[in-house]
């Protein structure tokens, strides 16, 4: 299975611009024969908690029909990040577009203290099943909590997809935690991090992937946009840029 983690800098609060950027990266993934692509935390809006309520929507928003079309036409699973409306409240969410299937939503279950004034937590773990793997999304803070990965492993997950917006300090923790859980649970771990300003910090990229033994397969730098793709059959990783279009 070919799995892509995207690293890019969202335009803060500009969903339309970010949809267009997502499509550029999806085209790269399609050109490389990918089976799944996923994006950083709140990728469609940028990580801006103060704007989240005004930008919140749901999985059926017609602006995202183009992602379902790409999924159907190219047999590609697509995971995007956005603030999800939940009644009068907002969740840090992802919408997953499955080929010729209903859209799935996932909401971050464990929130950082700084997020509590703006968001409410989700209540269940989403898993994605393919002929090759069972995959679980994890969103930033919760992906650094051992109990989250432990629960995913007990569900039979063997690929852990961390969608994040991490600062330099958060990246230090990530580079210790992700290889540990990859080795402990025998799962691939892929991290998709954003670049640039996020609320009151700067996201530093360095998206990465680890194999089931906890060995680092490949890591991106802290400046460049691109797609980090792992082939789980060949156990190889590569970075693809937009210039490949």
Protein backbone atom coordinates (compact mmCIF):
# COMPACT_ATOMS: atom_id res chain seq x y z
CA UNK A 1 0.00 0.00 0.00
CA UNK A 2 1.28 3.48 -0.87
CA UNK A 3 0.45 6.04 1.83
CA UNK A 4 1.12 9.77 1.54
CA UNK A 5 1.58 12.32 4.32
CA UNK A 6 1.43 15.92 3.13
CA UNK A 7 3.57 18.77 4.47
CA UNK A 8 2.43 22.27 3.52
CA UNK A 9 1.65 25.76 4.79
CA UNK A 10 -2.09 26.47 4.90
CA UNK A 11 -3.48 29.94 4.24
CA UNK A 12 -4.91 30.95 7.59
CA UNK A 13 -8.71 31.08 7.53
CA UNK A 14 -8.95 30.74 3.74
CA UNK A 15 -10.76 27.48 3.07
CA UNK A 16 -11.12 28.07 -0.68
CA UNK A 17 -7.39 28.63 -1.15
CA UNK A 18 -6.58 25.59 0.95
CA UNK A 19 -8.97 23.36 -1.02
CA UNK A 20 -7.06 24.32 -4.17
CA UNK A 21 -3.73 23.57 -2.49
CA UNK A 22 -5.02 20.20 -1.30
CA UNK A 23 -5.92 19.31 -4.88
CA UNK A 24 -2.37 20.08 -6.02
CA UNK A 25 -0.97 17.59 -3.51
CA UNK A 26 -3.64 15.04 -4.33
CA UNK A 27 -2.55 15.22 -7.99
CA UNK A 28 1.00 14.42 -6.91
CA UNK A 29 -0.24 11.41 -4.96
CA UNK A 30 -2.32 10.21 -7.91
CA UNK A 31 0.68 10.52 -10.22
CA UNK A 32 2.64 8.29 -7.84
CA UNK A 33 -0.09 5.64 -7.69
CA UNK A 34 -0.97 6.31 -4.05
CA UNK A 35 -3.73 4.49 -2.20
CA UNK A 36 -4.18 7.01 0.63
CA UNK A 37 -3.24 10.63 1.31
CA UNK A 38 -3.75 12.64 4.49
CA UNK A 39 -3.06 16.20 5.58
CA UNK A 40 -1.98 18.06 8.75
CA UNK A 41 -4.25 19.08 11.62
CA UNK A 42 -6.96 21.57 10.54
CA UNK A 43 -5.37 21.65 7.10
CA UNK A 44 -8.32 23.32 5.36
CA UNK A 45 -8.34 26.34 7.68
CA UNK A 46 -4.95 26.39 9.35
CA UNK A 47 -4.58 25.86 13.09
CA UNK A 48 -6.43 28.95 14.29
CA UNK A 49 -8.63 28.10 17.32
CA UNK A 50 -10.04 31.63 17.57
CA UNK A 51 -11.40 31.36 14.02
CA UNK A 52 -12.62 27.79 14.30
CA UNK A 53 -16.24 28.48 15.24
CA UNK A 54 -16.74 30.84 12.30
CA UNK A 55 -15.13 28.32 9.92
CA UNK A 56 -16.74 25.13 11.25
CA UNK A 57 -18.75 22.96 8.88
CA UNK A 58 -19.54 19.27 8.39
CA UNK A 59 -18.53 16.37 6.20
CA UNK A 60 -21.32 17.02 3.70
CA UNK A 61 -20.20 20.54 2.78
CA UNK A 62 -20.50 20.76 -1.03
CA UNK A 63 -17.15 22.58 -1.26
CA UNK A 64 -15.53 19.23 -0.56
CA UNK A 65 -17.34 17.28 -3.28
CA UNK A 66 -14.20 17.55 -5.39
CA UNK A 67 -12.33 15.40 -2.85
CA UNK A 68 -14.98 12.70 -3.14
CA UNK A 69 -14.72 12.89 -6.91
CA UNK A 70 -10.93 12.41 -6.74
CA UNK A 71 -11.41 9.51 -4.35
CA UNK A 72 -13.94 7.78 -6.59
CA UNK A 73 -12.08 8.30 -9.85
CA UNK A 74 -8.64 7.29 -8.60
CA UNK A 75 -9.49 4.74 -5.90
CA UNK A 76 -7.79 7.01 -3.38
CA UNK A 77 -8.60 7.48 0.32
CA UNK A 78 -8.29 11.17 1.24
CA UNK A 79 -8.13 12.59 4.78
CA UNK A 80 -8.41 16.36 5.34
CA UNK A 81 -8.43 18.42 8.53
CA UNK A 82 -11.07 20.98 9.48
CA UNK A 83 -13.13 22.31 12.40
CA UNK A 84 -16.29 20.20 12.57
CA UNK A 85 -19.57 21.60 13.82
CA UNK A 86 -21.12 19.45 16.55
CA UNK A 87 -24.39 21.10 17.48
CA UNK A 88 -23.46 24.51 18.87
CA UNK A 89 -19.91 23.37 19.60
CA UNK A 90 -16.80 22.71 17.49
CA UNK A 91 -14.46 19.73 17.25
CA UNK A 92 -10.96 19.41 15.81
CA UNK A 93 -11.83 17.04 13.03
CA UNK A 94 -10.89 15.16 9.92
CA UNK A 95 -13.13 14.10 7.06
CA UNK A 96 -12.18 10.93 5.24
CA UNK A 97 -13.28 10.37 1.65
CA UNK A 98 -13.52 6.69 0.78
CA UNK A 99 -13.92 5.55 -2.85
CA UNK A 100 -17.61 5.19 -3.71
CA UNK A 101 -18.61 5.22 -0.04
CA UNK A 102 -20.10 7.60 2.49
CA UNK A 103 -17.76 10.18 3.98
CA UNK A 104 -16.42 9.47 7.47
CA UNK A 105 -15.71 12.02 10.18
CA UNK A 106 -13.24 11.73 13.00
CA UNK A 107 -12.89 14.16 15.91
CA UNK A 108 -9.87 14.53 18.19
CA UNK A 109 -10.63 12.68 21.40
CA UNK A 110 -7.94 14.11 23.66
CA UNK A 111 -7.52 17.88 23.67
CA UNK A 112 -4.59 19.94 24.91
CA UNK A 113 -5.47 22.36 27.72
CA UNK A 114 -5.01 25.32 25.37
CA UNK A 115 -7.71 23.89 23.06
CA UNK A 116 -10.41 23.43 25.71
CA UNK A 117 -11.78 27.00 25.49
CA UNK A 118 -12.50 26.51 21.77
CA UNK A 119 -13.26 22.85 21.14
CA UNK A 120 -15.01 19.78 22.53
CA UNK A 121 -13.60 16.30 22.25
CA UNK A 122 -14.73 13.44 20.04
CA UNK A 123 -15.98 10.20 21.55
CA UNK A 124 -14.88 7.33 19.33
CA UNK A 125 -11.93 6.08 17.33
CA UNK A 126 -12.30 5.81 13.59
CA UNK A 127 -10.52 2.99 11.76
CA UNK A 128 -10.05 2.60 8.02
CA UNK A 129 -9.85 -0.90 6.58
CA UNK A 130 -8.17 -1.81 3.30
CA UNK A 131 -7.12 -5.19 1.89
CA UNK A 132 -3.56 -4.49 3.08
CA UNK A 133 -3.93 -2.66 6.39
CA UNK A 134 -6.15 -1.38 9.16
CA UNK A 135 -5.39 2.28 9.76
CA UNK A 136 -6.25 4.77 12.50
CA UNK A 137 -6.07 8.57 12.41
CA UNK A 138 -4.70 10.45 15.40
CA UNK A 139 -4.72 14.23 15.72
CA UNK A 140 -1.70 16.00 17.23
CA UNK A 141 -1.82 16.05 21.07
CA UNK A 142 -3.63 12.73 21.38
CA UNK A 143 -1.06 11.06 19.12
CA UNK A 144 1.55 11.71 21.84
CA UNK A 145 -0.56 9.94 24.49
CA UNK A 146 0.33 6.28 24.85
CA UNK A 147 -3.25 5.24 25.64
CA UNK A 148 -4.41 6.46 22.24
CA UNK A 149 -1.97 4.25 20.34
CA UNK A 150 -2.66 1.40 22.77
CA UNK A 151 -6.38 1.58 22.01
CA UNK A 152 -5.68 1.65 18.28
CA UNK A 153 -3.45 -1.42 18.58
CA UNK A 154 -6.17 -3.29 20.49
CA UNK A 155 -8.50 -2.53 17.58
CA UNK A 156 -6.07 -4.34 15.26
CA UNK A 157 -4.56 -1.22 13.70
CA UNK A 158 -1.18 -1.63 12.02
CA UNK A 159 -0.82 1.85 10.46
CA UNK A 160 -1.06 4.96 12.66
CA UNK A 161 -1.66 8.25 10.85
CA UNK A 162 -0.69 11.29 12.94
CA UNK A 163 -2.12 14.52 11.57
CA UNK A 164 -0.41 17.33 13.47
CA UNK A 165 0.52 20.98 13.82
CA UNK A 166 3.70 20.84 15.89
CA UNK A 167 6.18 23.42 17.08
CA UNK A 168 9.88 22.73 17.57
CA UNK A 169 9.22 21.62 21.16
CA UNK A 170 6.42 19.31 20.08
CA UNK A 171 8.67 17.81 17.44
CA UNK A 172 11.26 16.81 20.05
CA UNK A 173 8.58 14.80 21.85
CA UNK A 174 7.25 13.36 18.58
CA UNK A 175 10.65 12.07 17.50
CA UNK A 176 10.89 10.10 20.75
CA UNK A 177 7.29 8.90 21.00
CA UNK A 178 6.45 7.80 17.46
CA UNK A 179 9.33 5.33 17.01
CA UNK A 180 8.55 3.95 20.46
CA UNK A 181 4.92 3.16 19.64
CA UNK A 182 5.87 1.88 16.17
CA UNK A 183 8.19 -0.68 17.80
CA UNK A 184 5.95 -1.44 20.79
CA UNK A 185 2.85 -2.17 18.72
CA UNK A 186 4.45 -3.31 15.46
CA UNK A 187 2.75 -0.60 13.41
CA UNK A 188 3.79 1.85 10.74
CA UNK A 189 3.61 5.44 11.99
CA UNK A 190 3.32 8.38 9.63
CA UNK A 191 3.30 12.02 10.71
CA UNK A 192 1.94 14.83 8.54
CA UNK A 193 2.98 18.23 9.95
CA UNK A 194 2.22 21.71 8.68
CA UNK A 195 4.57 24.63 8.10
CA UNK A 196 4.42 28.24 9.20
CA UNK A 197 2.36 30.37 11.61
CA UNK A 198 -0.29 28.56 13.68
CA UNK A 199 -2.17 30.59 16.29
CA UNK A 200 0.61 31.58 18.75
CA UNK A 201 3.38 29.26 17.51
CA UNK A 202 5.16 28.19 14.35
CA UNK A 203 4.73 24.73 12.89
CA UNK A 204 8.08 23.31 11.83
CA UNK A 205 7.35 20.58 9.28
CA UNK A 206 9.80 17.66 9.51
CA UNK A 207 7.07 15.16 8.61
CA UNK A 208 8.31 11.61 8.99
CA UNK A 209 7.56 7.90 8.76
CA UNK A 210 8.66 4.85 10.78
CA UNK A 211 8.42 1.16 9.99
CA UNK A 212 7.01 -1.53 12.28
CA UNK A 213 10.38 -1.90 14.03
CA UNK A 214 10.44 1.77 14.94
CA UNK A 215 13.12 2.59 12.40
CA UNK A 216 12.93 5.98 10.73
CA UNK A 217 12.27 5.48 7.03
CA UNK A 218 12.48 9.12 5.94
CA UNK A 219 11.98 12.64 7.25
CA UNK A 220 11.28 15.89 5.46
CA UNK A 221 13.02 19.17 6.24
CA UNK A 222 11.51 22.10 8.12
CA UNK A 223 11.03 24.39 5.13
CA UNK A 224 9.76 22.53 2.06
CA UNK A 225 6.25 21.58 1.04
CA UNK A 226 5.76 18.14 -0.43
CA UNK A 227 4.41 14.62 -0.10
CA UNK A 228 6.14 11.93 1.93
CA UNK A 229 5.09 8.55 0.52
CA UNK A 230 5.66 5.14 2.09
CA UNK A 231 5.30 1.90 0.16
CA UNK A 232 4.51 -0.65 2.86
CA UNK A 233 5.17 -3.62 0.55
CA UNK A 234 8.65 -2.52 -0.44
CA UNK A 235 9.14 -0.77 2.93
CA UNK A 236 10.57 2.24 1.15
CA UNK A 237 9.84 5.95 1.42
CA UNK A 238 10.24 8.87 -0.96
CA UNK A 239 9.52 12.60 -1.07
CA UNK A 240 7.65 14.10 -4.01
CA UNK A 241 7.34 17.81 -4.72
CA UNK A 242 4.68 19.79 -6.55
CA UNK A 243 7.21 20.27 -9.35
CA UNK A 244 6.54 16.64 -10.24
CA UNK A 245 3.22 17.73 -11.75
